[in-house]
Amino acid sequence: MTICMMPVNAQLILADWFFVVFHSSLILFNLFGWIWKKTRKAHLITISLTLLSWGFLGIWYGWGYCPLTDWHWQVLEKLGKTDLPNSYISYLLDRVLGWQPGEKWVDAGTLVLTLWAFGMSVWMNWKKTPK
């Protein structure tokens, strides 16, 4: 017996939008979550997990591996989407803005901005703040 009576296609469309919203929000949080004092510890955790996924899981699944991207691609493939890029950022730029920059530029920009945000997070979490 199924718990959800929603048609499979509707479930997949809902899952697609969930991933777009959730993954995009996580990306934005990874870039800017270090700014606010209340979110700095959570930011350091999420960006560290992101980098660990890219590097450690990347040993087995390929550099830059992200489980969210993998799961979203599975949903999109079931919806009939093909020729998905390796990079989720490339996918978002195309889906949201209709812009398809070169993948090497996207990969380099993604890495630079992520390492910058990680550095900012480390700095902001360990710097001495006046009382």
N, C-alpha and C. Protein backbone atom coordinates (compact mmCIF):
# COMPACT_ATOMS: atom_id res chain seq x y z
N MET A 1 0.84 -1.18 0.00
CA MET A 1 0.00 0.00 0.00
C MET A 1 0.89 1.24 0.00
N THR A 2 0.60 2.18 -0.87
CA THR A 2 1.40 3.40 -0.92
C THR A 2 0.85 4.45 0.04
N ILE A 3 1.75 5.17 0.65
CA ILE A 3 1.36 6.21 1.59
C ILE A 3 0.92 7.46 0.83
N CYS A 4 1.65 7.80 -0.21
CA CYS A 4 1.34 9.01 -0.98
C CYS A 4 0.53 8.62 -2.20
N MET A 5 -0.61 9.26 -2.37
CA MET A 5 -1.49 8.94 -3.49
C MET A 5 -1.23 9.84 -4.70
N MET A 6 -0.18 10.66 -4.63
CA MET A 6 0.17 11.55 -5.72
C MET A 6 0.75 10.73 -6.88
N PRO A 7 0.39 11.06 -8.12
CA PRO A 7 0.96 10.34 -9.26
C PRO A 7 2.49 10.46 -9.27
N VAL A 8 3.16 9.43 -9.78
CA VAL A 8 4.62 9.38 -9.79
C VAL A 8 5.20 10.61 -10.47
N ASN A 9 4.67 11.02 -11.60
CA ASN A 9 5.21 12.18 -12.31
C ASN A 9 5.13 13.45 -11.45
N ALA A 10 4.03 13.61 -10.73
CA ALA A 10 3.87 14.77 -9.84
C ALA A 10 4.89 14.70 -8.70
N GLN A 11 5.15 13.50 -8.20
CA GLN A 11 6.16 13.32 -7.15
C GLN A 11 7.54 13.72 -7.66
N LEU A 12 7.84 13.32 -8.89
CA LEU A 12 9.14 13.66 -9.47
C LEU A 12 9.28 15.16 -9.69
N ILE A 13 8.22 15.80 -10.15
CA ILE A 13 8.25 17.26 -10.35
C ILE A 13 8.43 17.96 -9.01
N LEU A 14 7.74 17.49 -7.99
CA LEU A 14 7.88 18.05 -6.66
C LEU A 14 9.31 17.84 -6.14
N ALA A 15 9.86 16.66 -6.36
CA ALA A 15 11.24 16.37 -5.94
C ALA A 15 12.23 17.27 -6.69
N ASP A 16 11.98 17.48 -7.98
CA ASP A 16 12.83 18.38 -8.77
C ASP A 16 12.86 19.77 -8.15
N TRP A 17 11.69 20.32 -7.85
CA TRP A 17 11.63 21.66 -7.26
C TRP A 17 12.21 21.68 -5.86
N PHE A 18 12.01 20.61 -5.10
CA PHE A 18 12.64 20.54 -3.78
C PHE A 18 14.15 20.68 -3.91
N PHE A 19 14.74 19.90 -4.83
CA PHE A 19 16.19 19.96 -4.99
C PHE A 19 16.65 21.34 -5.48
N VAL A 20 15.93 21.94 -6.40
CA VAL A 20 16.31 23.27 -6.88
C VAL A 20 16.33 24.26 -5.71
N VAL A 21 15.29 24.27 -4.92
CA VAL A 21 15.19 25.23 -3.80
C VAL A 21 16.19 24.89 -2.70
N PHE A 22 16.20 23.62 -2.26
CA PHE A 22 17.07 23.23 -1.15
C PHE A 22 18.55 23.35 -1.52
N HIS A 23 18.93 22.81 -2.66
CA HIS A 23 20.33 22.82 -3.05
C HIS A 23 20.81 24.25 -3.32
N SER A 24 19.97 25.06 -3.96
CA SER A 24 20.33 26.46 -4.20
C SER A 24 20.49 27.22 -2.89
N SER A 25 19.59 26.94 -1.94
CA SER A 25 19.69 27.58 -0.62
C SER A 25 20.97 27.18 0.10
N LEU A 26 21.31 25.91 0.00
CA LEU A 26 22.55 25.44 0.62
C LEU A 26 23.77 26.10 -0.02
N ILE A 27 23.76 26.23 -1.33
CA ILE A 27 24.86 26.89 -2.04
C ILE A 27 24.99 28.34 -1.57
N LEU A 28 23.88 29.05 -1.49
CA LEU A 28 23.91 30.44 -1.02
C LEU A 28 24.38 30.51 0.44
N PHE A 29 23.92 29.58 1.26
CA PHE A 29 24.37 29.55 2.65
C PHE A 29 25.87 29.27 2.72
N ASN A 30 26.35 28.35 1.89
CA ASN A 30 27.79 28.05 1.87
C ASN A 30 28.61 29.27 1.45
N LEU A 31 28.06 30.10 0.60
CA LEU A 31 28.79 31.29 0.17
C LEU A 31 28.73 32.42 1.20
N PHE A 32 27.60 32.57 1.87
CA PHE A 32 27.40 33.77 2.69
C PHE A 32 27.06 33.53 4.16
N GLY A 33 26.94 32.30 4.59
CA GLY A 33 26.55 32.00 5.97
C GLY A 33 27.55 32.44 7.01
N TRP A 34 28.79 32.71 6.61
CA TRP A 34 29.82 33.15 7.54
C TRP A 34 29.61 34.61 7.98
N ILE A 35 28.78 35.35 7.27
CA ILE A 35 28.61 36.78 7.54
C ILE A 35 27.94 37.02 8.90
N TRP A 36 26.92 36.25 9.25
CA TRP A 36 26.15 36.48 10.45
C TRP A 36 26.67 35.65 11.61
N LYS A 37 26.89 36.30 12.73
CA LYS A 37 27.47 35.64 13.90
C LYS A 37 26.67 34.40 14.31
N LYS A 38 25.35 34.47 14.27
CA LYS A 38 24.50 33.36 14.70
C LYS A 38 24.61 32.13 13.80
N THR A 39 25.03 32.30 12.56
CA THR A 39 25.08 31.17 11.62
C THR A 39 26.50 30.68 11.34
N ARG A 40 27.49 31.28 11.98
CA ARG A 40 28.90 30.95 11.65
C ARG A 40 29.28 29.51 11.93
N LYS A 41 28.86 28.97 13.05
CA LYS A 41 29.22 27.57 13.36
C LYS A 41 28.53 26.61 12.40
N ALA A 42 27.26 26.86 12.14
CA ALA A 42 26.52 26.01 11.19
C ALA A 42 27.16 26.12 9.80
N HIS A 43 27.58 27.34 9.45
CA HIS A 43 28.22 27.54 8.15
C HIS A 43 29.51 26.74 8.05
N LEU A 44 30.33 26.81 9.09
CA LEU A 44 31.60 26.07 9.07
C LEU A 44 31.34 24.58 8.91
N ILE A 45 30.30 24.08 9.53
CA ILE A 45 29.95 22.66 9.40
C ILE A 45 29.50 22.34 7.98
N THR A 46 28.58 23.13 7.42
CA THR A 46 28.06 22.80 6.09
C THR A 46 29.12 22.96 5.01
N ILE A 47 29.94 23.99 5.10
CA ILE A 47 30.95 24.15 4.05
C ILE A 47 32.06 23.11 4.18
N SER A 48 32.36 22.71 5.42
CA SER A 48 33.33 21.63 5.62
C SER A 48 32.80 20.31 5.06
N LEU A 49 31.53 20.02 5.32
CA LEU A 49 30.93 18.80 4.76
C LEU A 49 30.91 18.84 3.24
N THR A 50 30.66 20.01 2.68
CA THR A 50 30.68 20.16 1.22
C THR A 50 32.07 19.84 0.68
N LEU A 51 33.10 20.43 1.27
CA LEU A 51 34.46 20.19 0.81
C LEU A 51 34.88 18.74 1.03
N LEU A 52 34.46 18.15 2.14
CA LEU A 52 34.75 16.73 2.37
C LEU A 52 34.08 15.86 1.32
N SER A 53 32.86 16.19 0.98
CA SER A 53 32.16 15.44 -0.06
C SER A 53 32.91 15.53 -1.38
N TRP A 54 33.28 16.76 -1.75
CA TRP A 54 33.99 16.95 -3.01
C TRP A 54 35.30 16.17 -3.06
N GLY A 55 36.04 16.21 -1.96
CA GLY A 55 37.36 15.57 -1.95
C GLY A 55 37.32 14.12 -1.55
N PHE A 56 36.74 13.81 -0.38
CA PHE A 56 36.78 12.45 0.13
C PHE A 56 35.88 11.51 -0.66
N LEU A 57 34.60 11.87 -0.80
CA LEU A 57 33.72 11.03 -1.63
C LEU A 57 34.16 11.07 -3.09
N GLY A 58 34.80 12.16 -3.46
CA GLY A 58 35.33 12.30 -4.81
C GLY A 58 36.36 11.24 -5.17
N ILE A 59 37.00 10.66 -4.16
CA ILE A 59 37.97 9.58 -4.42
C ILE A 59 37.26 8.43 -5.14
N TRP A 60 36.02 8.14 -4.72
CA TRP A 60 35.28 7.01 -5.30
C TRP A 60 34.34 7.42 -6.43
N TYR A 61 33.77 8.61 -6.34
CA TYR A 61 32.74 9.02 -7.28
C TYR A 61 33.18 10.08 -8.28
N GLY A 62 34.37 10.59 -8.13
CA GLY A 62 34.86 11.64 -9.01
C GLY A 62 34.93 12.98 -8.29
N TRP A 63 35.98 13.72 -8.58
CA TRP A 63 36.23 15.01 -7.93
C TRP A 63 34.99 15.89 -7.97
N GLY A 64 34.66 16.49 -6.86
CA GLY A 64 33.53 17.40 -6.80
C GLY A 64 32.20 16.71 -6.58
N TYR A 65 32.24 15.44 -6.17
CA TYR A 65 30.99 14.69 -6.00
C TYR A 65 30.11 15.31 -4.93
N CYS A 66 28.84 15.44 -5.24
CA CYS A 66 27.84 15.95 -4.30
C CYS A 66 26.64 15.01 -4.34
N PRO A 67 26.27 14.41 -3.20
CA PRO A 67 25.12 13.52 -3.19
C PRO A 67 23.82 14.22 -3.63
N LEU A 68 23.65 15.50 -3.27
CA LEU A 68 22.44 16.21 -3.68
C LEU A 68 22.34 16.30 -5.20
N THR A 69 23.46 16.58 -5.83
CA THR A 69 23.46 16.64 -7.30
C THR A 69 23.13 15.27 -7.87
N ASP A 70 23.74 14.24 -7.33
CA ASP A 70 23.51 12.88 -7.79
C ASP A 70 22.02 12.52 -7.68
N TRP A 71 21.42 12.80 -6.53
CA TRP A 71 20.00 12.48 -6.33
C TRP A 71 19.11 13.31 -7.26
N HIS A 72 19.47 14.58 -7.43
CA HIS A 72 18.67 15.43 -8.32
C HIS A 72 18.77 14.92 -9.76
N TRP A 73 19.96 14.53 -10.18
CA TRP A 73 20.13 14.00 -11.53
C TRP A 73 19.27 12.75 -11.72
N GLN A 74 19.18 11.90 -10.71
CA GLN A 74 18.35 10.70 -10.81
C GLN A 74 16.89 11.08 -11.04
N VAL A 75 16.42 12.10 -10.32
CA VAL A 75 15.04 12.58 -10.50
C VAL A 75 14.86 13.13 -11.91
N LEU A 76 15.80 13.97 -12.35
CA LEU A 76 15.69 14.58 -13.68
C LEU A 76 15.73 13.52 -14.79
N GLU A 77 16.55 12.50 -14.63
CA GLU A 77 16.61 11.43 -15.63
C GLU A 77 15.28 10.69 -15.71
N LYS A 78 14.64 10.48 -14.57
CA LYS A 78 13.31 9.83 -14.56
C LYS A 78 12.26 10.72 -15.21
N LEU A 79 12.51 12.03 -15.19
CA LEU A 79 11.61 12.98 -15.87
C LEU A 79 11.96 13.11 -17.36
N GLY A 80 12.99 12.38 -17.81
CA GLY A 80 13.33 12.38 -19.23
C GLY A 80 14.40 13.38 -19.63
N LYS A 81 15.01 14.05 -18.66
CA LYS A 81 16.09 15.00 -18.98
C LYS A 81 17.36 14.23 -19.29
N THR A 82 18.05 14.70 -20.32
CA THR A 82 19.31 14.05 -20.71
C THR A 82 20.40 15.12 -20.85
N ASP A 83 21.61 14.68 -21.05
CA ASP A 83 22.76 15.57 -21.26
C ASP A 83 22.92 16.57 -20.12
N LEU A 84 22.79 16.09 -18.89
CA LEU A 84 22.98 16.96 -17.74
C LEU A 84 24.47 17.23 -17.55
N PRO A 85 24.84 18.45 -17.17
CA PRO A 85 26.26 18.77 -16.98
C PRO A 85 26.82 18.09 -15.73
N ASN A 86 28.13 18.08 -15.61
CA ASN A 86 28.76 17.53 -14.41
C ASN A 86 28.55 18.45 -13.21
N SER A 87 28.44 19.72 -13.47
CA SER A 87 28.36 20.73 -12.42
C SER A 87 26.93 21.18 -12.16
N TYR A 88 26.55 21.19 -10.88
CA TYR A 88 25.23 21.68 -10.51
C TYR A 88 25.13 23.18 -10.75
N ILE A 89 26.23 23.88 -10.56
CA ILE A 89 26.23 25.33 -10.81
C ILE A 89 25.97 25.59 -12.30
N SER A 90 26.58 24.82 -13.18
CA SER A 90 26.31 24.96 -14.62
C SER A 90 24.83 24.74 -14.90
N TYR A 91 24.27 23.72 -14.27
CA TYR A 91 22.86 23.41 -14.44
C TYR A 91 21.99 24.59 -13.98
N LEU A 92 22.28 25.13 -12.80
CA LEU A 92 21.50 26.25 -12.27
C LEU A 92 21.61 27.49 -13.15
N LEU A 93 22.82 27.80 -13.60
CA LEU A 93 23.00 28.97 -14.46
C LEU A 93 22.17 28.83 -15.73
N ASP A 94 22.13 27.64 -16.29
CA ASP A 94 21.34 27.41 -17.51
C ASP A 94 19.84 27.43 -17.19
N ARG A 95 19.44 26.73 -16.13
CA ARG A 95 18.01 26.64 -15.81
C ARG A 95 17.42 27.98 -15.37
N VAL A 96 18.14 28.71 -14.54
CA VAL A 96 17.60 29.95 -13.98
C VAL A 96 17.84 31.15 -14.89
N LEU A 97 19.06 31.22 -15.47
CA LEU A 97 19.42 32.40 -16.26
C LEU A 97 19.49 32.16 -17.77
N GLY A 98 19.43 30.89 -18.17
CA GLY A 98 19.57 30.57 -19.59
C GLY A 98 20.99 30.84 -20.10
N TRP A 99 21.96 30.79 -19.19
CA TRP A 99 23.35 31.10 -19.51
C TRP A 99 24.19 29.84 -19.38
N GLN A 100 25.00 29.56 -20.41
CA GLN A 100 25.83 28.36 -20.41
C GLN A 100 27.30 28.72 -20.57
N PRO A 101 27.94 29.20 -19.50
CA PRO A 101 29.38 29.48 -19.61
C PRO A 101 30.16 28.17 -19.70
N GLY A 102 31.42 28.25 -20.10
CA GLY A 102 32.25 27.06 -20.20
C GLY A 102 32.38 26.37 -18.86
N GLU A 103 32.35 25.03 -18.89
CA GLU A 103 32.40 24.27 -17.64
C GLU A 103 33.68 24.49 -16.85
N LYS A 104 34.80 24.70 -17.55
CA LYS A 104 36.06 24.94 -16.82
C LYS A 104 35.98 26.24 -16.03
N TRP A 105 35.33 27.27 -16.61
CA TRP A 105 35.17 28.54 -15.91
C TRP A 105 34.26 28.37 -14.70
N VAL A 106 33.19 27.63 -14.89
CA VAL A 106 32.25 27.40 -13.79
C VAL A 106 32.93 26.61 -12.68
N ASP A 107 33.66 25.55 -13.04
CA ASP A 107 34.34 24.74 -12.03
C ASP A 107 35.38 25.57 -11.27
N ALA A 108 36.15 26.37 -12.00
CA ALA A 108 37.17 27.21 -11.35
C ALA A 108 36.52 28.25 -10.44
N GLY A 109 35.49 28.90 -10.93
CA GLY A 109 34.79 29.90 -10.12
C GLY A 109 34.16 29.30 -8.89
N THR A 110 33.56 28.13 -9.05
CA THR A 110 32.94 27.43 -7.92
C THR A 110 33.98 27.10 -6.85
N LEU A 111 35.12 26.57 -7.29
CA LEU A 111 36.18 26.20 -6.34
C LEU A 111 36.74 27.45 -5.64
N VAL A 112 37.04 28.49 -6.40
CA VAL A 112 37.60 29.71 -5.82
C VAL A 112 36.64 30.32 -4.80
N LEU A 113 35.38 30.47 -5.17
CA LEU A 113 34.40 31.08 -4.26
C LEU A 113 34.17 30.21 -3.02
N THR A 114 34.17 28.89 -3.19
CA THR A 114 33.97 27.99 -2.06
C THR A 114 35.15 28.05 -1.10
N LEU A 115 36.37 28.03 -1.64
CA LEU A 115 37.55 28.12 -0.78
C LEU A 115 37.61 29.48 -0.08
N TRP A 116 37.22 30.54 -0.79
CA TRP A 116 37.16 31.87 -0.18
C TRP A 116 36.16 31.87 0.98
N ALA A 117 34.97 31.31 0.77
CA ALA A 117 33.95 31.28 1.81
C ALA A 117 34.41 30.41 2.98
N PHE A 118 35.11 29.32 2.70
CA PHE A 118 35.65 28.47 3.76
C PHE A 118 36.68 29.25 4.58
N GLY A 119 37.57 29.94 3.88
CA GLY A 119 38.57 30.76 4.57
C GLY A 119 37.92 31.83 5.44
N MET A 120 36.90 32.48 4.92
CA MET A 120 36.19 33.49 5.69
C MET A 120 35.53 32.86 6.91
N SER A 121 34.99 31.68 6.75
CA SER A 121 34.34 30.98 7.85
C SER A 121 35.34 30.65 8.95
N VAL A 122 36.47 30.10 8.55
CA VAL A 122 37.51 29.77 9.54
C VAL A 122 37.94 31.05 10.26
N TRP A 123 38.21 32.10 9.50
CA TRP A 123 38.64 33.37 10.08
C TRP A 123 37.59 33.91 11.06
N MET A 124 36.35 33.96 10.65
CA MET A 124 35.30 34.55 11.48
C MET A 124 34.95 33.70 12.70
N ASN A 125 35.15 32.39 12.60
CA ASN A 125 34.87 31.51 13.73
C ASN A 125 35.97 31.54 14.78
N TRP A 126 37.20 31.86 14.39
CA TRP A 126 38.30 31.80 15.34
C TRP A 126 38.91 33.16 15.70
N LYS A 127 38.46 34.19 15.03
CA LYS A 127 39.03 35.50 15.39
C LYS A 127 38.49 35.97 16.73
N LYS A 128 39.26 36.75 17.40
CA LYS A 128 38.85 37.29 18.69
C LYS A 128 37.95 38.51 18.45
N THR A 129 36.77 38.48 19.02
CA THR A 129 35.87 39.63 18.89
C THR A 129 35.86 40.39 20.21
N PRO A 130 35.90 41.72 20.13
CA PRO A 130 35.88 42.50 21.38
C PRO A 130 34.56 42.30 22.13
N LYS A 131 34.64 42.32 23.44
CA LYS A 131 33.44 42.12 24.26
C LYS A 131 32.79 43.41 24.63
